[in-house]
Amino acid sequence: MNVGQKTLLDILPKESPEFTAMDALTRNKRKHFCPACKQHYDPTFPTKDLAMSQGVSSNKEQWLSGICSDKCWDDYLG
């Protein structure tokens, strides 16, 4: 995560039910969830900035849409 960028868990009050639910859902899981194949995955690049500056289109899409691969892009959006 880049300095200055916050996740939902950073913003939510720790005593809130939303924090508890989000923490339970994301603990021990990867950061990204593909809406096409419904799998959690690690993006190719660890940060959005690196993906945008060095990656190909599928690497960038991981950070923009959450879709994990070209195959899922084709299957999901056709």
N, C-alpha and C. Protein backbone atom coordinates (compact mmCIF):
# COMPACT_ATOMS: atom_id res chain seq x y z
N MET A 1 0.85 -1.18 0.00
CA MET A 1 0.00 0.00 0.00
C MET A 1 0.89 1.24 0.00
N ASN A 2 0.51 2.22 -0.78
CA ASN A 2 1.27 3.46 -0.83
C ASN A 2 1.05 4.27 0.43
N VAL A 3 2.05 5.04 0.80
CA VAL A 3 1.91 5.93 1.94
C VAL A 3 0.79 6.90 1.64
N GLY A 4 -0.09 7.09 2.58
CA GLY A 4 -1.20 8.01 2.38
C GLY A 4 -2.48 7.34 1.91
N GLN A 5 -2.38 6.16 1.32
CA GLN A 5 -3.58 5.44 0.91
C GLN A 5 -4.10 4.64 2.09
N LYS A 6 -5.41 4.69 2.27
CA LYS A 6 -6.00 3.97 3.39
C LYS A 6 -6.99 2.94 2.87
N THR A 7 -7.09 1.85 3.60
CA THR A 7 -8.09 0.85 3.28
C THR A 7 -9.33 1.12 4.11
N LEU A 8 -10.39 0.40 3.82
CA LEU A 8 -11.61 0.56 4.59
C LEU A 8 -11.38 0.23 6.06
N LEU A 9 -10.53 -0.75 6.33
CA LEU A 9 -10.24 -1.10 7.72
C LEU A 9 -9.50 0.02 8.45
N ASP A 10 -8.75 0.84 7.73
CA ASP A 10 -8.07 1.98 8.35
C ASP A 10 -9.05 3.08 8.72
N ILE A 11 -10.15 3.18 7.99
CA ILE A 11 -11.10 4.28 8.16
C ILE A 11 -12.19 3.96 9.17
N LEU A 12 -12.66 2.70 9.17
CA LEU A 12 -13.76 2.32 10.05
C LEU A 12 -13.33 2.33 11.52
N PRO A 13 -14.23 2.76 12.41
CA PRO A 13 -13.93 2.67 13.85
C PRO A 13 -13.77 1.20 14.25
N LYS A 14 -12.74 0.89 14.99
CA LYS A 14 -12.44 -0.50 15.34
C LYS A 14 -13.53 -1.18 16.17
N GLU A 15 -14.36 -0.40 16.85
CA GLU A 15 -15.42 -1.00 17.65
C GLU A 15 -16.73 -1.17 16.86
N SER A 16 -16.73 -0.77 15.59
CA SER A 16 -17.96 -0.85 14.80
C SER A 16 -18.21 -2.27 14.28
N PRO A 17 -19.47 -2.62 14.08
CA PRO A 17 -19.78 -3.93 13.52
C PRO A 17 -19.26 -4.07 12.09
N GLU A 18 -19.19 -2.96 11.37
CA GLU A 18 -18.67 -2.99 10.01
C GLU A 18 -17.18 -3.39 10.00
N PHE A 19 -16.42 -2.85 10.95
CA PHE A 19 -15.00 -3.20 11.05
C PHE A 19 -14.86 -4.69 11.35
N THR A 20 -15.64 -5.18 12.30
CA THR A 20 -15.56 -6.59 12.68
C THR A 20 -15.87 -7.49 11.49
N ALA A 21 -16.92 -7.16 10.74
CA ALA A 21 -17.30 -7.96 9.58
C ALA A 21 -16.23 -7.89 8.49
N MET A 22 -15.75 -6.70 8.19
CA MET A 22 -14.73 -6.53 7.15
C MET A 22 -13.44 -7.24 7.54
N ASP A 23 -13.04 -7.14 8.78
CA ASP A 23 -11.83 -7.79 9.26
C ASP A 23 -11.97 -9.31 9.13
N ALA A 24 -13.13 -9.85 9.49
CA ALA A 24 -13.35 -11.29 9.39
C ALA A 24 -13.33 -11.75 7.94
N LEU A 25 -13.88 -10.95 7.04
CA LEU A 25 -13.92 -11.32 5.63
C LEU A 25 -12.56 -11.25 4.96
N THR A 26 -11.72 -10.34 5.39
CA THR A 26 -10.45 -10.13 4.70
C THR A 26 -9.25 -10.76 5.38
N ARG A 27 -9.40 -11.20 6.61
CA ARG A 27 -8.27 -11.80 7.32
C ARG A 27 -7.83 -13.06 6.58
N ASN A 28 -6.53 -13.18 6.38
CA ASN A 28 -5.92 -14.33 5.71
C ASN A 28 -6.40 -14.51 4.28
N LYS A 29 -6.89 -13.46 3.68
CA LYS A 29 -7.28 -13.52 2.28
C LYS A 29 -6.48 -12.49 1.51
N ARG A 30 -6.39 -12.73 0.23
CA ARG A 30 -5.67 -11.78 -0.61
C ARG A 30 -6.51 -10.53 -0.79
N LYS A 31 -5.89 -9.48 -1.26
CA LYS A 31 -6.55 -8.19 -1.34
C LYS A 31 -7.60 -8.10 -2.45
N HIS A 32 -7.43 -8.84 -3.52
CA HIS A 32 -8.31 -8.66 -4.67
C HIS A 32 -9.26 -9.82 -4.84
N PHE A 33 -10.45 -9.51 -5.34
CA PHE A 33 -11.48 -10.51 -5.58
C PHE A 33 -11.99 -10.31 -7.00
N CYS A 34 -11.91 -11.35 -7.82
CA CYS A 34 -12.33 -11.27 -9.21
C CYS A 34 -13.84 -11.49 -9.31
N PRO A 35 -14.57 -10.53 -9.89
CA PRO A 35 -16.02 -10.69 -10.02
C PRO A 35 -16.40 -11.75 -11.05
N ALA A 36 -15.48 -12.13 -11.91
CA ALA A 36 -15.78 -13.13 -12.95
C ALA A 36 -15.66 -14.55 -12.41
N CYS A 37 -14.51 -14.90 -11.84
CA CYS A 37 -14.29 -16.28 -11.38
C CYS A 37 -14.53 -16.45 -9.89
N LYS A 38 -14.82 -15.33 -9.20
CA LYS A 38 -15.15 -15.35 -7.76
C LYS A 38 -14.01 -15.87 -6.89
N GLN A 39 -12.77 -15.62 -7.31
CA GLN A 39 -11.60 -16.06 -6.55
C GLN A 39 -10.84 -14.86 -6.01
N HIS A 40 -10.24 -15.04 -4.85
CA HIS A 40 -9.31 -14.04 -4.32
C HIS A 40 -7.96 -14.28 -4.98
N TYR A 41 -7.22 -13.20 -5.26
CA TYR A 41 -5.92 -13.35 -5.91
C TYR A 41 -5.00 -12.20 -5.54
N ASP A 42 -3.71 -12.46 -5.69
CA ASP A 42 -2.70 -11.41 -5.53
C ASP A 42 -2.48 -10.77 -6.89
N PRO A 43 -2.57 -9.45 -6.99
CA PRO A 43 -2.31 -8.81 -8.27
C PRO A 43 -0.84 -9.00 -8.69
N THR A 44 -0.60 -8.92 -9.97
CA THR A 44 0.75 -9.10 -10.51
C THR A 44 1.71 -8.08 -9.91
N PHE A 45 1.29 -6.83 -9.81
CA PHE A 45 2.10 -5.78 -9.22
C PHE A 45 1.56 -5.44 -7.83
N PRO A 46 2.44 -5.21 -6.86
CA PRO A 46 1.99 -4.98 -5.48
C PRO A 46 1.28 -3.65 -5.26
N THR A 47 1.45 -2.70 -6.17
CA THR A 47 0.78 -1.41 -6.02
C THR A 47 0.15 -0.99 -7.34
N LYS A 48 -0.88 -0.17 -7.24
CA LYS A 48 -1.55 0.35 -8.43
C LYS A 48 -0.58 1.20 -9.25
N ASP A 49 0.23 2.01 -8.57
CA ASP A 49 1.18 2.88 -9.28
C ASP A 49 2.14 2.07 -10.15
N LEU A 50 2.68 0.99 -9.61
CA LEU A 50 3.58 0.14 -10.41
C LEU A 50 2.86 -0.50 -11.57
N ALA A 51 1.65 -0.98 -11.35
CA ALA A 51 0.88 -1.59 -12.43
C ALA A 51 0.61 -0.59 -13.54
N MET A 52 0.27 0.63 -13.18
CA MET A 52 -0.04 1.64 -14.19
C MET A 52 1.20 2.06 -14.97
N SER A 53 2.35 2.08 -14.33
CA SER A 53 3.56 2.55 -15.01
C SER A 53 4.31 1.45 -15.74
N GLN A 54 4.21 0.20 -15.28
CA GLN A 54 5.03 -0.86 -15.84
C GLN A 54 4.24 -2.03 -16.44
N GLY A 55 2.98 -2.15 -16.09
CA GLY A 55 2.21 -3.33 -16.47
C GLY A 55 1.56 -3.22 -17.84
N VAL A 56 1.12 -4.38 -18.32
CA VAL A 56 0.30 -4.43 -19.52
C VAL A 56 -1.15 -4.23 -19.11
N SER A 57 -2.05 -4.21 -20.08
CA SER A 57 -3.44 -3.86 -19.78
C SER A 57 -4.08 -4.77 -18.72
N SER A 58 -3.80 -6.07 -18.76
CA SER A 58 -4.42 -6.96 -17.76
C SER A 58 -3.91 -6.68 -16.36
N ASN A 59 -2.65 -6.26 -16.23
CA ASN A 59 -2.11 -5.90 -14.91
C ASN A 59 -2.80 -4.65 -14.38
N LYS A 60 -3.09 -3.72 -15.26
CA LYS A 60 -3.76 -2.49 -14.86
C LYS A 60 -5.21 -2.77 -14.47
N GLU A 61 -5.88 -3.64 -15.23
CA GLU A 61 -7.27 -3.98 -14.95
C GLU A 61 -7.45 -4.62 -13.59
N GLN A 62 -6.44 -5.34 -13.13
CA GLN A 62 -6.53 -5.94 -11.79
C GLN A 62 -6.79 -4.85 -10.76
N TRP A 63 -6.22 -3.69 -10.97
CA TRP A 63 -6.37 -2.58 -10.02
C TRP A 63 -7.58 -1.71 -10.33
N LEU A 64 -8.07 -1.72 -11.56
CA LEU A 64 -9.20 -0.88 -11.93
C LEU A 64 -10.54 -1.57 -11.75
N SER A 65 -10.68 -2.75 -12.32
CA SER A 65 -11.97 -3.45 -12.29
C SER A 65 -11.99 -4.62 -11.32
N GLY A 66 -10.81 -5.13 -10.96
CA GLY A 66 -10.73 -6.30 -10.11
C GLY A 66 -10.67 -7.60 -10.89
N ILE A 67 -10.90 -7.54 -12.19
CA ILE A 67 -10.86 -8.75 -13.01
C ILE A 67 -9.42 -9.24 -13.09
N CYS A 68 -9.24 -10.55 -12.81
CA CYS A 68 -7.90 -11.08 -12.58
C CYS A 68 -7.09 -11.42 -13.82
N SER A 69 -7.72 -11.70 -14.94
CA SER A 69 -6.96 -12.17 -16.10
C SER A 69 -7.69 -11.85 -17.40
N ASP A 70 -6.97 -12.03 -18.49
CA ASP A 70 -7.58 -11.85 -19.81
C ASP A 70 -8.72 -12.84 -20.02
N LYS A 71 -8.54 -14.07 -19.54
CA LYS A 71 -9.59 -15.09 -19.69
C LYS A 71 -10.86 -14.65 -18.98
N CYS A 72 -10.71 -14.18 -17.74
CA CYS A 72 -11.90 -13.72 -17.00
C CYS A 72 -12.52 -12.50 -17.66
N TRP A 73 -11.69 -11.62 -18.19
CA TRP A 73 -12.21 -10.44 -18.91
C TRP A 73 -13.08 -10.89 -20.07
N ASP A 74 -12.58 -11.84 -20.86
CA ASP A 74 -13.33 -12.33 -22.02
C ASP A 74 -14.61 -13.05 -21.59
N ASP A 75 -14.51 -13.88 -20.55
CA ASP A 75 -15.66 -14.63 -20.07
C ASP A 75 -16.72 -13.71 -19.45
N TYR A 76 -16.27 -12.73 -18.71
CA TYR A 76 -17.18 -11.86 -17.94
C TYR A 76 -17.78 -10.75 -18.80
N LEU A 77 -16.96 -10.15 -19.63
CA LEU A 77 -17.41 -8.99 -20.41
C LEU A 77 -17.55 -9.30 -21.90
N GLY A 78 -17.02 -10.44 -22.30
CA GLY A 78 -17.16 -10.93 -23.66
C GLY A 78 -16.63 -10.05 -24.70
